[in-house]
Amino acid sequence: MEIKLHKQLEIIRDKKDVELPKDIVEKIEIFWQKQVEENPHLFNGEVWSVTKFEELENRLRLIIQKTNYAHYLYDERVGLEGNLACYNLNGGILLETIDKKYIVGEMNATTSYPKGLQIPGGNLDQNDIKEDGTVDLIGNIARELQEELNLDLFDRSIIESYKMQYIELPEGRRHSYSPKLKGFLKMTSEEMKDYYEKYKMYLKENNQEVEFVKLHFIDKENVLKELDSLDNPKRPYLRSLLYMDSNI
């Protein structure tokens, strides 16, 4: 469920890690081995799961614990309930070009979501957690944006402004907490397309990972028509996020 943020976010790392029963751990391990056989590029890195969500008077507080990508993927594809589930915390940014197009990336075939459509962003890692246990989510999104699109969030000659504007909350079997920035890019869609093709060529020439095989530019005035015309799989939040923003 995608909602507009009206309160400040506070994210705090719990020193404890997620603990799962032995039988669940064994099922996840068997599942993970099958996934790796099908896609050897997968990596079982750290993932942060929200174990407590509090709506306070002037802020939203999320408490997170460390788990791993196998736990997340098992929950997403097989399903877990209650405190066994992985309530994955991840950040993203919805970018709008000068000519009012939304930037949506198409995932590479080597990822766990081949041909899938999503906005730039990704999971936290240890570097996003400060010494006092608070989480630098803006820094996380900035790093992902740099890696995926080669854009500097803090360079005002590239991105005019940004604001933490949305958050996805868990709904049904979708166990996700996903805060999102809204940013305004100082390029047209054609300029961004050319810019990204050059960056993608650089990544390939240097044997670096290309996460987005291509970029799609969705017209703000025809969001649902253009998005639905694409037969790619789409992250569950994408349709509601673009529709919500296009109506503000």
Protein backbone atom coordinates (compact mmCIF):
# COMPACT_ATOMS: atom_id res chain seq x y z
CA MET A 1 0.00 0.00 0.00
CA GLU A 2 1.54 3.27 -1.16
CA ILE A 3 0.82 6.40 0.89
CA LYS A 4 2.00 10.00 0.93
CA LEU A 5 4.28 10.83 3.85
CA HIS A 6 3.08 13.49 6.28
CA LYS A 7 5.56 12.79 9.08
CA GLN A 8 9.31 12.53 9.44
CA LEU A 9 10.84 9.05 9.26
CA GLU A 10 13.09 7.66 11.97
CA ILE A 11 14.81 4.33 11.31
CA ILE A 12 16.78 2.59 14.07
CA ARG A 13 18.87 -0.57 13.89
CA ASP A 14 18.17 -3.18 16.57
CA LYS A 15 21.44 -4.84 17.62
CA LYS A 16 19.73 -8.23 17.47
CA ASP A 17 19.49 -10.07 14.16
CA VAL A 18 16.39 -11.85 12.88
CA GLU A 19 16.15 -15.36 14.36
CA LEU A 20 14.13 -18.02 12.56
CA PRO A 21 13.17 -21.55 13.67
CA LYS A 22 15.48 -24.31 12.46
CA ASP A 23 12.88 -25.87 10.16
CA ILE A 24 12.27 -22.53 8.40
CA VAL A 25 16.01 -21.95 8.00
CA GLU A 26 16.35 -25.39 6.38
CA LYS A 27 13.49 -24.71 3.95
CA ILE A 28 15.04 -21.37 2.99
CA GLU A 29 18.43 -23.00 2.40
CA ILE A 30 16.92 -25.64 0.08
CA PHE A 31 14.96 -22.94 -1.75
CA TRP A 32 18.04 -20.74 -2.11
CA GLN A 33 20.17 -23.49 -3.61
CA LYS A 34 17.53 -24.01 -6.33
CA GLN A 35 17.47 -20.28 -7.07
CA VAL A 36 21.26 -20.14 -7.41
CA GLU A 37 21.23 -23.15 -9.75
CA GLU A 38 18.83 -21.26 -12.01
CA ASN A 39 20.63 -17.93 -11.66
CA PRO A 40 24.27 -18.15 -10.50
CA HIS A 41 24.47 -14.33 -10.35
CA LEU A 42 22.35 -14.20 -7.20
CA PHE A 43 24.10 -13.16 -3.99
CA ASN A 44 22.83 -13.86 -0.48
CA GLY A 45 23.71 -10.47 0.99
CA GLU A 46 22.35 -8.71 4.05
CA VAL A 47 18.76 -7.45 4.13
CA TRP A 48 17.09 -5.38 6.82
CA SER A 49 13.65 -6.36 8.05
CA VAL A 50 11.29 -4.04 9.92
CA THR A 51 10.37 -5.74 13.19
CA LYS A 52 8.47 -2.81 14.72
CA PHE A 53 6.49 0.08 13.23
CA GLU A 54 5.35 2.96 15.44
CA GLU A 55 3.32 6.01 14.46
CA LEU A 56 4.26 8.70 16.95
CA GLU A 57 2.92 12.23 17.24
CA ASN A 58 5.50 13.85 14.99
CA ARG A 59 7.25 10.95 13.23
CA LEU A 60 7.12 7.37 12.02
CA ARG A 61 9.63 5.06 13.70
CA LEU A 62 10.86 1.83 12.11
CA ILE A 63 12.98 -0.66 14.07
CA ILE A 64 15.02 -2.98 11.84
CA GLN A 65 16.96 -6.22 12.28
CA LYS A 66 19.44 -7.86 9.94
CA THR A 67 18.52 -10.94 7.93
CA ASN A 68 19.56 -12.07 4.43
CA TYR A 69 18.42 -12.01 0.81
CA ALA A 70 17.47 -15.71 0.84
CA HIS A 71 14.96 -15.00 3.63
CA TYR A 72 13.56 -12.06 1.66
CA LEU A 73 13.26 -13.98 -1.63
CA TYR A 74 11.69 -17.02 0.05
CA ASP A 75 9.07 -14.81 1.69
CA GLU A 76 8.37 -13.03 -1.60
CA ARG A 77 8.03 -16.19 -3.71
CA VAL A 78 6.84 -18.84 -1.26
CA GLY A 79 5.40 -16.83 1.61
CA LEU A 80 5.83 -16.55 5.37
CA GLU A 81 3.47 -15.12 7.96
CA GLY A 82 3.71 -13.05 11.12
CA ASN A 83 7.13 -12.58 12.69
CA LEU A 84 8.61 -15.20 10.33
CA ALA A 85 8.12 -12.91 7.34
CA CYS A 86 10.80 -10.60 5.98
CA TYR A 87 9.42 -7.06 6.14
CA ASN A 88 12.09 -5.76 3.83
CA LEU A 89 13.21 -2.13 4.17
CA ASN A 90 14.39 -0.55 0.94
CA GLY A 91 14.60 2.95 -0.49
CA GLY A 92 13.93 4.41 -3.93
CA ILE A 93 13.54 7.60 -5.92
CA LEU A 94 10.85 8.58 -8.39
CA LEU A 95 12.55 10.90 -10.89
CA GLU A 96 10.65 13.30 -13.16
CA THR A 97 12.34 14.84 -16.20
CA ILE A 98 11.93 18.42 -17.45
CA ASP A 99 9.42 17.22 -20.05
CA LYS A 100 7.33 15.50 -17.36
CA LYS A 101 8.33 11.87 -17.85
CA TYR A 102 8.87 9.37 -15.04
CA ILE A 103 12.06 7.27 -15.20
CA VAL A 104 11.43 3.55 -14.79
CA GLY A 105 14.21 0.97 -15.12
CA GLU A 106 13.94 -2.46 -16.73
CA MET A 107 15.94 -5.02 -14.75
CA ASN A 108 18.68 -7.07 -16.37
CA ALA A 109 18.20 -10.80 -17.03
CA THR A 110 20.97 -11.57 -14.50
CA THR A 111 18.95 -10.13 -11.59
CA SER A 112 16.30 -11.88 -9.48
CA TYR A 113 13.62 -9.87 -11.32
CA PRO A 114 14.49 -10.22 -15.05
CA LYS A 115 12.74 -7.66 -17.30
CA GLY A 116 10.92 -6.32 -14.23
CA LEU A 117 10.09 -2.62 -14.02
CA GLN A 118 10.99 -0.52 -10.98
CA ILE A 119 12.30 2.88 -9.96
CA PRO A 120 15.98 3.34 -9.00
CA GLY A 121 16.81 2.22 -5.47
CA GLY A 122 17.63 -0.83 -3.41
CA ASN A 123 18.27 -2.43 -0.06
CA LEU A 124 20.25 -1.01 2.84
CA ASP A 125 23.69 -2.21 3.76
CA GLN A 126 25.87 -1.80 6.85
CA ASN A 127 27.37 1.43 5.49
CA ASP A 128 23.96 3.12 5.79
CA ILE A 129 23.85 2.62 9.55
CA LYS A 130 25.48 5.31 11.70
CA GLU A 131 27.38 4.67 14.94
CA ASP A 132 24.33 5.69 17.00
CA GLY A 133 22.19 3.05 15.25
CA THR A 134 20.15 5.45 13.12
CA VAL A 135 19.85 4.82 9.38
CA ASP A 136 20.95 7.23 6.65
CA LEU A 137 18.24 6.42 4.13
CA ILE A 138 18.97 9.48 1.97
CA GLY A 139 22.58 8.32 1.71
CA ASN A 140 21.41 4.84 0.73
CA ILE A 141 19.20 6.16 -2.06
CA ALA A 142 21.96 8.50 -3.24
CA ARG A 143 24.41 5.59 -3.51
CA GLU A 144 21.94 3.41 -5.41
CA LEU A 145 21.15 6.28 -7.79
CA GLN A 146 24.85 6.83 -8.45
CA GLU A 147 25.45 3.13 -9.10
CA GLU A 148 22.39 2.53 -11.26
CA LEU A 149 22.07 5.76 -13.27
CA ASN A 150 25.34 7.63 -12.56
CA LEU A 151 23.38 10.57 -11.13
CA ASP A 152 24.51 12.60 -8.11
CA LEU A 153 21.52 13.28 -5.87
CA PHE A 154 23.27 16.24 -4.26
CA ASP A 155 24.41 17.98 -7.47
CA ARG A 156 21.90 20.78 -8.08
CA SER A 157 23.04 21.10 -11.69
CA ILE A 158 21.67 17.57 -12.24
CA ILE A 159 18.82 17.17 -9.74
CA GLU A 160 17.01 20.41 -8.99
CA SER A 161 15.34 19.21 -5.79
CA TYR A 162 14.20 16.12 -3.91
CA LYS A 163 11.95 15.32 -0.96
CA MET A 164 11.02 12.20 1.03
CA GLN A 165 7.45 11.97 -0.18
CA TYR A 166 6.06 8.42 -0.19
CA ILE A 167 6.25 5.13 1.68
CA GLU A 168 4.97 1.67 0.84
CA LEU A 169 3.50 -0.20 3.82
CA PRO A 170 2.84 -3.95 4.02
CA GLU A 171 -0.43 -5.14 2.54
CA GLY A 172 -1.59 -8.74 2.20
CA ARG A 173 1.32 -10.97 1.19
CA ARG A 174 3.41 -7.98 0.17
CA HIS A 175 5.79 -7.51 3.15
CA SER A 176 7.61 -4.28 2.32
CA TYR A 177 8.45 -0.95 3.90
CA SER A 178 9.72 1.24 1.08
CA PRO A 179 10.26 5.00 1.64
CA LYS A 180 10.69 6.92 -1.61
CA LEU A 181 12.05 10.28 -2.62
CA LYS A 182 10.51 12.40 -5.35
CA GLY A 183 13.18 14.16 -7.40
CA PHE A 184 13.18 16.58 -10.33
CA LEU A 185 15.85 15.92 -12.93
CA LYS A 186 17.29 18.82 -14.91
CA MET A 187 17.30 16.85 -18.17
CA THR A 188 14.72 16.00 -20.80
CA SER A 189 13.85 12.33 -21.34
CA GLU A 190 15.93 12.30 -24.56
CA GLU A 191 18.93 13.81 -22.80
CA MET A 192 18.64 11.26 -20.00
CA LYS A 193 18.28 8.42 -22.48
CA ASP A 194 21.51 9.42 -24.27
CA TYR A 195 23.27 9.99 -20.96
CA TYR A 196 22.32 6.53 -19.69
CA GLU A 197 23.33 4.73 -22.89
CA LYS A 198 26.83 6.19 -22.54
CA TYR A 199 26.96 5.12 -18.88
CA LYS A 200 25.76 1.62 -19.76
CA MET A 201 28.51 1.34 -22.38
CA TYR A 202 31.07 2.42 -19.78
CA LEU A 203 29.85 -0.29 -17.37
CA LYS A 204 30.08 -3.00 -20.02
CA GLU A 205 33.54 -1.91 -21.18
CA ASN A 206 34.75 -2.10 -17.57
CA ASN A 207 33.06 -5.43 -16.81
CA GLN A 208 30.77 -3.86 -14.23
CA GLU A 209 27.21 -4.86 -13.43
CA VAL A 210 24.43 -3.30 -15.51
CA GLU A 211 21.31 -3.43 -13.36
CA PHE A 212 18.94 -1.66 -15.77
CA VAL A 213 19.14 -3.06 -19.29
CA LYS A 214 17.09 -0.06 -20.48
CA LEU A 215 15.12 2.91 -19.23
CA HIS A 216 11.44 3.59 -19.88
CA PHE A 217 10.07 7.13 -19.81
CA ILE A 218 6.42 7.21 -18.73
CA ASP A 219 4.40 10.29 -19.65
CA LYS A 220 3.02 11.93 -16.51
CA GLU A 221 -0.21 12.83 -18.34
CA ASN A 222 -0.83 9.24 -19.53
CA VAL A 223 0.65 7.18 -16.71
CA LEU A 224 -1.68 4.20 -16.56
CA LYS A 225 -2.12 3.86 -20.33
CA GLU A 226 1.62 3.89 -21.01
CA LEU A 227 2.54 1.70 -18.03
CA ASP A 228 -0.13 -0.88 -18.83
CA SER A 229 1.00 -1.00 -22.46
CA LEU A 230 4.29 -2.54 -21.28
CA ASP A 231 4.02 -6.31 -20.82
CA ASN A 232 6.99 -6.48 -18.42
CA PRO A 233 6.41 -7.65 -14.85
CA LYS A 234 6.13 -4.66 -12.53
CA ARG A 235 6.92 -4.11 -8.89
CA PRO A 236 3.62 -4.09 -6.96
CA TYR A 237 4.06 -0.48 -5.85
CA LEU A 238 4.79 0.96 -9.30
CA ARG A 239 1.30 1.53 -10.67
CA SER A 240 -0.11 3.14 -7.53
CA LEU A 241 3.02 5.26 -7.00
CA LEU A 242 3.01 6.76 -10.49
CA TYR A 243 -0.74 7.27 -10.47
CA MET A 244 -0.63 8.96 -7.05
CA ASP A 245 2.17 11.31 -8.03
CA SER A 246 0.62 12.21 -11.38
CA ASN A 247 -2.53 13.39 -9.59
CA ILE A 248 -0.82 15.72 -7.10
